[in-house]
Amino acid sequence: MKKIEDLRNEYIEKFDDYFPNMGLSEDKEVEIIEKCLKEGKDAYELGYFKLDANIKY
């Protein structure tokens, strides 16, 4: 299993953004990042997180 920091760095390189890991266990974060990298879609595209349309980011 890859180290969490390696996976986070791969996520940043692939999606040009940080993984939104608020409130997730490290195991869950690893699971989601691995799926994102495998599918080629970020965590928002896979439906793990949603952005509020009423907030300007």
Protein backbone atom coordinates (compact mmCIF):
# COMPACT_ATOMS: atom_id res chain seq x y z
CA MET A 1 0.00 0.00 0.00
CA LYS A 2 1.26 3.45 -0.88
CA LYS A 3 1.89 5.99 1.82
CA ILE A 4 -0.81 8.62 2.29
CA GLU A 5 1.55 11.48 1.41
CA ASP A 6 2.50 9.78 -1.86
CA LEU A 7 -1.17 9.36 -2.76
CA ARG A 8 -1.93 12.99 -1.88
CA ASN A 9 0.92 14.13 -4.11
CA GLU A 10 -0.28 11.93 -6.99
CA TYR A 11 -3.77 13.40 -6.58
CA ILE A 12 -2.38 16.96 -6.74
CA GLU A 13 -0.32 16.14 -9.84
CA LYS A 14 -3.26 14.46 -11.61
CA PHE A 15 -6.03 16.93 -10.75
CA ASP A 16 -4.07 20.14 -10.03
CA ASP A 17 -5.90 20.47 -6.71
CA TYR A 18 -5.67 19.24 -3.14
CA PHE A 19 -7.82 16.34 -2.02
CA PRO A 20 -10.69 17.63 0.18
CA ASN A 21 -10.10 15.39 3.20
CA MET A 22 -12.11 17.23 5.87
CA GLY A 23 -13.30 14.80 8.51
CA LEU A 24 -12.20 11.62 6.76
CA SER A 25 -10.22 8.83 8.34
CA GLU A 26 -6.88 8.13 6.72
CA ASP A 27 -8.15 4.73 5.52
CA LYS A 28 -11.17 6.32 3.81
CA GLU A 29 -8.98 9.01 2.27
CA VAL A 30 -6.68 6.34 0.81
CA GLU A 31 -9.69 4.42 -0.54
CA ILE A 32 -11.15 7.49 -2.26
CA ILE A 33 -7.85 8.78 -3.66
CA GLU A 34 -7.01 5.36 -5.10
CA LYS A 35 -10.42 5.20 -6.78
CA CYS A 36 -10.02 8.73 -8.16
CA LEU A 37 -6.62 7.93 -9.62
CA LYS A 38 -7.88 4.66 -11.10
CA GLU A 39 -11.00 6.26 -12.63
CA GLY A 40 -9.23 9.46 -13.74
CA LYS A 41 -11.85 11.61 -12.02
CA ASP A 42 -11.53 13.85 -8.99
CA ALA A 43 -13.48 13.37 -5.77
CA TYR A 44 -16.15 15.87 -6.85
CA GLU A 45 -16.69 14.17 -10.22
CA LEU A 46 -17.14 10.83 -8.46
CA GLY A 47 -19.73 12.35 -6.12
CA TYR A 48 -17.84 12.10 -2.84
CA PHE A 49 -18.14 15.84 -2.21
CA LYS A 50 -20.37 18.59 -3.55
CA LEU A 51 -19.69 22.30 -3.93
CA ASP A 52 -22.43 24.67 -2.82
CA ALA A 53 -23.58 26.68 -5.85
CA ASN A 54 -24.43 29.64 -3.61
CA ILE A 55 -20.87 30.10 -2.34
CA LYS A 56 -18.15 31.79 -4.39
CA TYR A 57 -14.96 29.76 -4.04
